[in-house]
C-alpha atoms as a PDB file:
ATOM      1  CA  UNK A   1     139.683 189.349 -55.673  1.00  0.00           C
ATOM      2  CA  UNK A   2     142.706 190.893 -54.560  1.00  0.00           C
ATOM      3  CA  UNK A   3     144.358 189.956 -51.462  1.00  0.00           C
ATOM      4  CA  UNK A   4     146.833 192.229 -49.533  1.00  0.00           C
ATOM      5  CA  UNK A   5     149.163 190.850 -46.846  1.00  0.00           C
ATOM      6  CA  UNK A   6     149.048 194.266 -44.591  1.00  0.00           C
ATOM      7  CA  UNK A   7     150.482 195.256 -41.125  1.00  0.00           C
ATOM      8  CA  UNK A   8     148.248 198.572 -40.766  1.00  0.00           C
ATOM      9  CA  UNK A   9     151.180 200.384 -38.997  1.00  0.00           C
ATOM     10  CA  UNK A  10     153.607 199.844 -41.930  1.00  0.00           C
ATOM     11  CA  UNK A  11     154.377 202.536 -44.326  1.00  0.00           C
ATOM     12  CA  UNK A  12     154.855 200.516 -47.258  1.00  0.00           C
ATOM     13  CA  UNK A  13     151.633 198.886 -46.670  1.00  0.00           C
ATOM     14  CA  UNK A  14     149.800 202.153 -46.352  1.00  0.00           C
ATOM     15  CA  UNK A  15     151.444 203.395 -49.689  1.00  0.00           C
ATOM     16  CA  UNK A  16     149.877 200.346 -51.530  1.00  0.00           C
ATOM     17  CA  UNK A  17     146.372 200.542 -49.491  1.00  0.00           C
ATOM     18  CA  UNK A  18     146.403 203.980 -50.550  1.00  0.00           C
ATOM     19  CA  UNK A  19     146.779 203.495 -54.143  1.00  0.00           C
ATOM     20  CA  UNK A  20     144.169 200.141 -54.441  1.00  0.00           C
ATOM     21  CA  UNK A  21     141.461 202.473 -52.501  1.00  0.00           C
ATOM     22  CA  UNK A  22     142.046 205.417 -55.018  1.00  0.00           C
ATOM     23  CA  UNK A  23     141.680 203.213 -58.106  1.00  0.00           C
ATOM     24  CA  UNK A  24     138.276 201.676 -56.479  1.00  0.00           C
ATOM     25  CA  UNK A  25     139.851 198.037 -56.200  1.00  0.00           C
ATOM     26  CA  UNK A  26     138.111 195.783 -53.998  1.00  0.00           C
ATOM     27  CA  UNK A  27     140.334 193.770 -51.740  1.00  0.00           C
ATOM     28  CA  UNK A  28     140.936 191.657 -48.816  1.00  0.00           C
ATOM     29  CA  UNK A  29     143.556 192.137 -46.161  1.00  0.00           C
ATOM     30  CA  UNK A  30     145.414 189.403 -44.592  1.00  0.00           C
ATOM     31  CA  UNK A  31     147.737 190.496 -41.449  1.00  0.00           C
ATOM     32  CA  UNK A  32     150.839 187.808 -41.465  1.00  0.00           C
ATOM     33  CA  UNK A  33     152.771 187.054 -38.488  1.00  0.00           C
ATOM     34  CA  UNK A  34     156.340 188.459 -39.078  1.00  0.00           C
ATOM     35  CA  UNK A  35     158.872 186.732 -37.942  1.00  0.00           C
ATOM     36  CA  UNK A  36     157.406 183.457 -37.935  1.00  0.00           C
ATOM     37  CA  UNK A  37     155.050 183.600 -41.083  1.00  0.00           C
ATOM     38  CA  UNK A  38     152.818 180.755 -42.509  1.00  0.00           C
ATOM     39  CA  UNK A  39     154.193 179.268 -46.006  1.00  0.00           C
ATOM     40  CA  UNK A  40     151.556 181.369 -47.772  1.00  0.00           C
ATOM     41  CA  UNK A  41     152.927 184.331 -46.963  1.00  0.00           C
ATOM     42  CA  UNK A  42     156.552 183.315 -47.010  1.00  0.00           C
ATOM     43  CA  UNK A  43     155.675 182.361 -50.751  1.00  0.00           C
ATOM     44  CA  UNK A  44     154.281 185.719 -51.843  1.00  0.00           C
ATOM     45  CA  UNK A  45     156.939 187.499 -49.767  1.00  0.00           C
ATOM     46  CA  UNK A  46     160.120 185.544 -49.678  1.00  0.00           C
ATOM     47  CA  UNK A  47     161.866 188.531 -47.409  1.00  0.00           C
ATOM     48  CA  UNK A  48     158.562 188.157 -45.054  1.00  0.00           C
ATOM     49  CA  UNK A  49     157.973 191.848 -45.001  1.00  0.00           C
ATOM     50  CA  UNK A  50     154.647 193.458 -45.745  1.00  0.00           C
ATOM     51  CA  UNK A  51     153.080 194.664 -48.170  1.00  0.00           C
ATOM     52  CA  UNK A  52     152.571 191.897 -50.841  1.00  0.00           C
ATOM     53  CA  UNK A  53     149.883 191.391 -53.249  1.00  0.00           C
ATOM     54  CA  UNK A  54     148.287 188.276 -55.126  1.00  0.00           C
ATOM     55  CA  UNK A  55     146.346 189.050 -57.902  1.00  0.00           C
ATOM     56  CA  UNK A  56     144.299 185.799 -59.015  1.00  0.00           C
ATOM     57  CA  UNK A  57     147.315 183.504 -57.799  1.00  0.00           C
ATOM     58  CA  UNK A  58     150.650 185.940 -59.083  1.00  0.00           C
ATOM     59  CA  UNK A  59     152.464 187.450 -56.091  1.00  0.00           C
ATOM     60  CA  UNK A  60     153.997 190.760 -55.952  1.00  0.00           C
ATOM     61  CA  UNK A  61     155.902 191.892 -53.422  1.00  0.00           C
ATOM     62  CA  UNK A  62     157.884 195.281 -52.151  1.00  0.00           C
ATOM     63  CA  UNK A  63     155.817 198.583 -52.204  1.00  0.00           C
ATOM     64  CA  UNK A  64     157.031 200.360 -55.426  1.00  0.00           C
ATOM     65  CA  UNK A  65     156.886 197.662 -57.213  1.00  0.00           C
ATOM     66  CA  UNK A  66     153.376 196.782 -56.164  1.00  0.00           C
ATOM     67  CA  UNK A  67     152.410 200.448 -57.280  1.00  0.00           C
ATOM     68  CA  UNK A  68     153.809 199.882 -60.382  1.00  0.00           C
ATOM     69  CA  UNK A  69     152.034 196.959 -61.212  1.00  0.00           C
ATOM     70  CA  UNK A  70     148.877 198.711 -59.868  1.00  0.00           C
ATOM     71  CA  UNK A  71     149.382 201.280 -62.338  1.00  0.00           C
ATOM     72  CA  UNK A  72     150.341 198.835 -65.172  1.00  0.00           C
ATOM     73  CA  UNK A  73     147.181 196.620 -65.052  1.00  0.00           C
ATOM     74  CA  UNK A  74     144.564 199.104 -63.779  1.00  0.00           C
ATOM     75  CA  UNK A  75     145.740 202.573 -65.755  1.00  0.00           C
ATOM     76  CA  UNK A  76     142.939 204.147 -64.502  1.00  0.00           C
ATOM     77  CA  UNK A  77     142.428 206.584 -62.562  1.00  0.00           C
ATOM     78  CA  UNK A  78     146.007 207.639 -63.467  1.00  0.00           C
ATOM     79  CA  UNK A  79     148.204 207.891 -60.228  1.00  0.00           C
ATOM     80  CA  UNK A  80     151.960 207.758 -62.010  1.00  0.00           C
ATOM     81  CA  UNK A  81     153.188 210.912 -63.191  1.00  0.00           C
ATOM     82  CA  UNK A  82     152.862 210.640 -67.068  1.00  0.00           C
ATOM     83  CA  UNK A  83     156.331 212.412 -68.264  1.00  0.00           C
ATOM     84  CA  UNK A  84     159.555 211.121 -67.709  1.00  0.00           C
ATOM     85  CA  UNK A  85     160.366 213.884 -65.662  1.00  0.00           C
ATOM     86  CA  UNK A  86     157.634 213.734 -63.094  1.00  0.00           C
ATOM     87  CA  UNK A  87     158.087 210.167 -63.090  1.00  0.00           C
ATOM     88  CA  UNK A  88     161.732 210.488 -62.043  1.00  0.00           C
ATOM     89  CA  UNK A  89     160.534 213.238 -59.451  1.00  0.00           C
ATOM     90  CA  UNK A  90     158.178 210.540 -57.632  1.00  0.00           C
ATOM     91  CA  UNK A  91     160.935 207.702 -57.747  1.00  0.00           C
ATOM     92  CA  UNK A  92     163.594 210.062 -56.312  1.00  0.00           C
ATOM     93  CA  UNK A  93     161.346 211.499 -53.511  1.00  0.00           C
ATOM     94  CA  UNK A  94     160.151 207.938 -52.865  1.00  0.00           C
ATOM     95  CA  UNK A  95     164.094 206.936 -52.764  1.00  0.00           C
ATOM     96  CA  UNK A  96     164.443 209.099 -49.648  1.00  0.00           C
ATOM     97  CA  UNK A  97     161.295 208.561 -47.870  1.00  0.00           C
ATOM     98  CA  UNK A  98     161.276 204.876 -48.039  1.00  0.00           C
ATOM     99  CA  UNK A  99     164.914 204.853 -46.654  1.00  0.00           C
ATOM    100  CA  UNK A 100     166.213 207.750 -44.602  1.00  0.00           C
ATOM    101  CA  UNK A 101     162.862 209.153 -43.787  1.00  0.00           C
ATOM    102  CA  UNK A 102     161.318 205.640 -42.653  1.00  0.00           C
ATOM    103  CA  UNK A 103     164.262 204.894 -40.624  1.00  0.00           C
ATOM    104  CA  UNK A 104     164.016 207.681 -38.766  1.00  0.00           C
ATOM    105  CA  UNK A 105     160.141 207.335 -37.857  1.00  0.00           C
ATOM    106  CA  UNK A 106     161.497 203.816 -36.956  1.00  0.00           C
ATOM    107  CA  UNK A 107     163.918 204.775 -34.380  1.00  0.00           C
ATOM    108  CA  UNK A 108     161.561 207.162 -32.773  1.00  0.00           C
ATOM    109  CA  UNK A 109     159.282 204.271 -31.953  1.00  0.00           C
ATOM    110  CA  UNK A 110     162.361 202.373 -30.781  1.00  0.00           C
ATOM    111  CA  UNK A 111     162.815 204.968 -28.448  1.00  0.00           C
ATOM    112  CA  UNK A 112     159.169 206.317 -27.371  1.00  0.00           C
ATOM    113  CA  UNK A 113     157.531 202.980 -27.522  1.00  0.00           C
ATOM    114  CA  UNK A 114     160.111 200.366 -27.307  1.00  0.00           C
ATOM    115  CA  UNK A 115     162.044 201.880 -24.882  1.00  0.00           C
ATOM    116  CA  UNK A 116     165.416 200.833 -26.205  1.00  0.00           C
ATOM    117  CA  UNK A 117     167.018 204.011 -24.934  1.00  0.00           C
ATOM    118  CA  UNK A 118     166.181 206.100 -21.692  1.00  0.00           C
ATOM    119  CA  UNK A 119     168.174 209.114 -19.940  1.00  0.00           C
ATOM    120  CA  UNK A 120     170.883 211.090 -21.525  1.00  0.00           C
ATOM    121  CA  UNK A 121     171.024 208.500 -24.652  1.00  0.00           C
ATOM    122  CA  UNK A 122     167.321 208.680 -25.006  1.00  0.00           C
ATOM    123  CA  UNK A 123     167.362 212.327 -25.392  1.00  0.00           C
ATOM    124  CA  UNK A 124     170.545 212.628 -27.499  1.00  0.00           C
ATOM    125  CA  UNK A 125     168.896 210.106 -30.104  1.00  0.00           C
ATOM    126  CA  UNK A 126     165.677 212.099 -30.003  1.00  0.00           C
ATOM    127  CA  UNK A 127     167.429 215.464 -30.543  1.00  0.00           C
ATOM    128  CA  UNK A 128     169.359 214.295 -33.470  1.00  0.00           C
ATOM    129  CA  UNK A 129     166.190 212.502 -34.833  1.00  0.00           C
ATOM    130  CA  UNK A 130     164.497 216.016 -34.577  1.00  0.00           C
ATOM    131  CA  UNK A 131     167.337 217.670 -36.378  1.00  0.00           C
ATOM    132  CA  UNK A 132     167.568 215.079 -39.222  1.00  0.00           C
ATOM    133  CA  UNK A 133     163.401 215.192 -39.630  1.00  0.00           C
ATOM    134  CA  UNK A 134     163.704 219.274 -39.784  1.00  0.00           C
ATOM    135  CA  UNK A 135     165.765 218.814 -42.937  1.00  0.00           C
ATOM    136  CA  UNK A 136     163.910 216.105 -44.548  1.00  0.00           C
ATOM    137  CA  UNK A 137     160.695 218.540 -44.099  1.00  0.00           C
ATOM    138  CA  UNK A 138     162.661 221.505 -45.426  1.00  0.00           C
ATOM    139  CA  UNK A 139     163.749 219.227 -48.523  1.00  0.00           C
ATOM    140  CA  UNK A 140     159.942 218.268 -48.997  1.00  0.00           C
ATOM    141  CA  UNK A 141     158.694 221.616 -48.654  1.00  0.00           C
ATOM    142  CA  UNK A 142     160.964 222.627 -51.403  1.00  0.00           C
ATOM    143  CA  UNK A 143     159.969 219.596 -53.564  1.00  0.00           C
ATOM    144  CA  UNK A 144     156.182 220.863 -52.973  1.00  0.00           C
ATOM    145  CA  UNK A 145     157.036 224.400 -53.548  1.00  0.00           C
ATOM    146  CA  UNK A 146     153.683 226.486 -54.081  1.00  0.00           C
ATOM    147  CA  UNK A 147     152.035 223.468 -55.597  1.00  0.00           C
ATOM    148  CA  UNK A 148     149.061 221.859 -53.909  1.00  0.00           C
ATOM    149  CA  UNK A 149     150.235 218.333 -54.960  1.00  0.00           C
ATOM    150  CA  UNK A 150     154.017 216.956 -55.339  1.00  0.00           C
ATOM    151  CA  UNK A 151     153.036 216.078 -58.505  1.00  0.00           C
ATOM    152  CA  UNK A 152     152.313 219.637 -59.353  1.00  0.00           C
ATOM    153  CA  UNK A 153     149.164 219.989 -61.106  1.00  0.00           C
ATOM    154  CA  UNK A 154     147.107 216.763 -59.588  1.00  0.00           C
ATOM    155  CA  UNK A 155     147.244 214.220 -56.849  1.00  0.00           C
ATOM    156  CA  UNK A 156     148.975 211.037 -57.565  1.00  0.00           C
ATOM    157  CA  UNK A 157     151.843 208.698 -56.662  1.00  0.00           C
ATOM    158  CA  UNK A 158     153.572 211.084 -55.369  1.00  0.00           C
ATOM    159  CA  UNK A 159     151.541 212.229 -52.673  1.00  0.00           C
ATOM    160  CA  UNK A 160     150.987 208.637 -51.741  1.00  0.00           C
ATOM    161  CA  UNK A 161     154.570 208.192 -51.355  1.00  0.00           C
ATOM    162  CA  UNK A 162     155.184 211.268 -49.015  1.00  0.00           C
ATOM    163  CA  UNK A 163     152.097 210.930 -46.771  1.00  0.00           C
ATOM    164  CA  UNK A 164     152.897 207.678 -44.221  1.00  0.00           C
ATOM    165  CA  UNK A 165     156.212 209.372 -43.669  1.00  0.00           C
ATOM    166  CA  UNK A 166     155.009 212.645 -42.540  1.00  0.00           C
ATOM    167  CA  UNK A 167     151.792 211.616 -41.031  1.00  0.00           C
ATOM    168  CA  UNK A 168     153.930 209.379 -38.567  1.00  0.00           C
ATOM    169  CA  UNK A 169     156.605 212.310 -38.069  1.00  0.00           C
ATOM    170  CA  UNK A 170     153.400 214.249 -37.402  1.00  0.00           C
ATOM    171  CA  UNK A 171     152.276 211.501 -34.725  1.00  0.00           C
ATOM    172  CA  UNK A 172     155.895 211.681 -32.898  1.00  0.00           C
ATOM    173  CA  UNK A 173     155.750 215.388 -32.706  1.00  0.00           C
ATOM    174  CA  UNK A 174     157.677 216.566 -35.724  1.00  0.00           C
ATOM    175  CA  UNK A 175     154.958 217.539 -38.077  1.00  0.00           C
ATOM    176  CA  UNK A 176     155.232 220.241 -40.531  1.00  0.00           C
ATOM    177  CA  UNK A 177     154.967 224.120 -39.403  1.00  0.00           C
ATOM    178  CA  UNK A 178     151.492 225.073 -38.529  1.00  0.00           C
ATOM    179  CA  UNK A 179     150.032 227.165 -41.657  1.00  0.00           C
ATOM    180  CA  UNK A 180     152.849 226.234 -44.122  1.00  0.00           C
ATOM    181  CA  UNK A 181     152.336 224.912 -47.637  1.00  0.00           C
ATOM    182  CA  UNK A 182     153.667 221.391 -46.270  1.00  0.00           C
ATOM    183  CA  UNK A 183     150.817 221.469 -43.401  1.00  0.00           C
ATOM    184  CA  UNK A 184     148.347 222.856 -45.685  1.00  0.00           C
ATOM    185  CA  UNK A 185     149.018 219.776 -47.986  1.00  0.00           C
ATOM    186  CA  UNK A 186     148.820 217.159 -45.419  1.00  0.00           C
ATOM    187  CA  UNK A 187     145.695 218.735 -44.483  1.00  0.00           C
ATOM    188  CA  UNK A 188     144.507 218.119 -48.132  1.00  0.00           C
ATOM    189  CA  UNK A 189     145.859 214.955 -47.768  1.00  0.00           C
ATOM    190  CA  UNK A 190     143.774 213.892 -44.533  1.00  0.00           C
ATOM    191  CA  UNK A 191     140.538 214.869 -46.357  1.00  0.00           C
ATOM    192  CA  UNK A 192     140.837 212.051 -48.978  1.00  0.00           C
ATOM    193  CA  UNK A 193     139.110 208.935 -48.588  1.00  0.00           C
ATOM    194  CA  UNK A 194     142.330 206.699 -48.963  1.00  0.00           C
ATOM    195  CA  UNK A 195     143.849 208.545 -46.103  1.00  0.00           C
ATOM    196  CA  UNK A 196     141.236 208.314 -43.604  1.00  0.00           C
ATOM    197  CA  UNK A 197     140.672 204.811 -44.057  1.00  0.00           C
ATOM    198  CA  UNK A 198     144.708 204.220 -43.570  1.00  0.00           C
ATOM    199  CA  UNK A 199     144.730 206.241 -40.552  1.00  0.00           C
ATOM    200  CA  UNK A 200     141.725 204.360 -39.139  1.00  0.00           C
ATOM    201  CA  UNK A 201     143.514 201.248 -39.805  1.00  0.00           C
ATOM    202  CA  UNK A 202     146.766 202.523 -38.210  1.00  0.00           C
ATOM    203  CA  UNK A 203     144.689 203.950 -34.836  1.00  0.00           C
ATOM    204  CA  UNK A 204     142.845 200.864 -34.409  1.00  0.00           C
ATOM    205  CA  UNK A 205     146.130 198.759 -34.635  1.00  0.00           C
ATOM    206  CA  UNK A 206     148.397 201.025 -32.303  1.00  0.00           C
ATOM    207  CA  UNK A 207     145.577 200.914 -29.588  1.00  0.00           C
ATOM    208  CA  UNK A 208     144.981 197.213 -29.605  1.00  0.00           C
ATOM    209  CA  UNK A 209     148.771 196.036 -30.582  1.00  0.00           C
ATOM    210  CA  UNK A 210     151.361 198.443 -29.495  1.00  0.00           C
ATOM    211  CA  UNK A 211     151.854 196.717 -25.989  1.00  0.00           C
ATOM    212  CA  UNK A 212     151.543 193.345 -27.728  1.00  0.00           C
ATOM    213  CA  UNK A 213     153.943 194.554 -29.946  1.00  0.00           C
ATOM    214  CA  UNK A 214     156.283 195.435 -27.657  1.00  0.00           C
ATOM    215  CA  UNK A 215     156.047 192.589 -25.362  1.00  0.00           C
ATOM    216  CA  UNK A 216     156.661 190.004 -28.256  1.00  0.00           C
ATOM    217  CA  UNK A 217     159.363 192.179 -29.382  1.00  0.00           C
ATOM    218  CA  UNK A 218     161.003 192.042 -26.133  1.00  0.00           C
ATOM    219  CA  UNK A 219     160.707 188.568 -25.441  1.00  0.00           C
ATOM    220  CA  UNK A 220     162.329 187.587 -28.677  1.00  0.00           C
ATOM    221  CA  UNK A 221     159.335 185.913 -29.748  1.00  0.00           C
ATOM    222  CA  UNK A 222     158.979 188.640 -32.747  1.00  0.00           C
ATOM    223  CA  UNK A 223     162.444 190.364 -32.795  1.00  0.00           C
ATOM    224  CA  UNK A 224     162.139 193.680 -34.522  1.00  0.00           C
ATOM    225  CA  UNK A 225     163.930 193.842 -38.211  1.00  0.00           C
ATOM    226  CA  UNK A 226     166.708 196.563 -38.353  1.00  0.00           C
ATOM    227  CA  UNK A 227     167.898 196.578 -42.101  1.00  0.00           C
ATOM    228  CA  UNK A 228     169.562 199.021 -44.021  1.00  0.00           C
ATOM    229  CA  UNK A 229     168.993 202.469 -43.165  1.00  0.00           C
ATOM    230  CA  UNK A 230     167.377 201.580 -39.755  1.00  0.00           C
ATOM    231  CA  UNK A 231     170.762 200.215 -38.580  1.00  0.00           C
ATOM    232  CA  UNK A 232     172.565 203.000 -40.136  1.00  0.00           C
ATOM    233  CA  UNK A 233     170.374 205.779 -38.166  1.00  0.00           C
ATOM    234  CA  UNK A 234     170.845 203.704 -34.846  1.00  0.00           C
ATOM    235  CA  UNK A 235     174.405 203.794 -35.470  1.00  0.00           C
ATOM    236  CA  UNK A 236     174.913 207.288 -36.595  1.00  0.00           C
ATOM    237  CA  UNK A 237     172.692 208.592 -33.792  1.00  0.00           C
ATOM    238  CA  UNK A 238     174.728 206.702 -31.165  1.00  0.00           C
ATOM    239  CA  UNK A 239     172.487 203.807 -30.542  1.00  0.00           C
ATOM    240  CA  UNK A 240     175.286 201.246 -31.513  1.00  0.00           C
ATOM    241  CA  UNK A 241     175.134 199.592 -27.814  1.00  0.00           C
ATOM    242  CA  UNK A 242     171.124 199.065 -28.321  1.00  0.00           C
ATOM    243  CA  UNK A 243     171.910 197.195 -31.506  1.00  0.00           C
ATOM    244  CA  UNK A 244     174.431 194.814 -29.936  1.00  0.00           C
ATOM    245  CA  UNK A 245     172.400 194.370 -26.890  1.00  0.00           C
ATOM    246  CA  UNK A 246     169.257 193.367 -28.792  1.00  0.00           C
ATOM    247  CA  UNK A 247     171.269 191.171 -31.140  1.00  0.00           C
ATOM    248  CA  UNK A 248     172.839 189.305 -28.596  1.00  0.00           C
ATOM    249  CA  UNK A 249     169.033 189.068 -26.835  1.00  0.00           C
ATOM    250  CA  UNK A 250     167.501 187.952 -29.750  1.00  0.00           C
ATOM    251  CA  UNK A 251     165.113 190.882 -30.119  1.00  0.00           C
ATOM    252  CA  UNK A 252     166.579 192.427 -32.987  1.00  0.00           C
ATOM    253  CA  UNK A 253     166.847 190.818 -36.701  1.00  0.00           C
ATOM    254  CA  UNK A 254     168.072 191.530 -39.719  1.00  0.00           C
ATOM    255  CA  UNK A 255     166.122 191.083 -43.082  1.00  0.00           C
ATOM    256  CA  UNK A 256     165.280 187.536 -44.201  1.00  0.00           C
ATOM    257  CA  UNK A 257     167.029 186.153 -47.332  1.00  0.00           C
ATOM    258  CA  UNK A 258     164.604 184.945 -49.927  1.00  0.00           C
ATOM    259  CA  UNK A 259     164.783 180.946 -50.102  1.00  0.00           C
END
């Protein structure tokens, strides 16, 4: 049996879970305590990040590495594009979504849910996020073109990669224009069993843990991780003082180094 270390609100974990469901794989889920992991999770994921996959004692971490591992070991049904050009297109889109798109969604949660910024600062940062998300939606719309799927002729890894980020942006009020090809693609995605299950898990986690996550983060018990592009967006949007305050108060942390 496969074991997936999962946090239901993590887009990185959502991608992996969707791929496993699409491939019909049976797996158990374990939710780790981020920031204060047990030894098993820390061994499986030395950076203390989800997702991490355990396959008969073999541990794999980092979402795109896991996606490649799943495709290599269980090639049917195929999700990874077959041609070098299509595979490169997937990885390029993933490179943007996993870094810059994710960072803006993260910042929206930090402002709207964690209340890191208020008043004029919050308004300016939210406006900056909206502008940048509009640009990213335009870029994705051009990548989709007039095709049903990002992989052109069939559903696949590229669609799995984009979905968590566009779904999260939609939750924050920055979805695709109604009736647009991107909105129609999102509707097709929402009809799939894998996305329904992932969204149901996220909704359950959001209603039961949002207040707890905020309380534990702002108390310093479980600081929020500001890594690479998350930090970059906060600084670019004028939130440098937020980061400095969070670091001083112990409510913000950086990435864990493998040991």
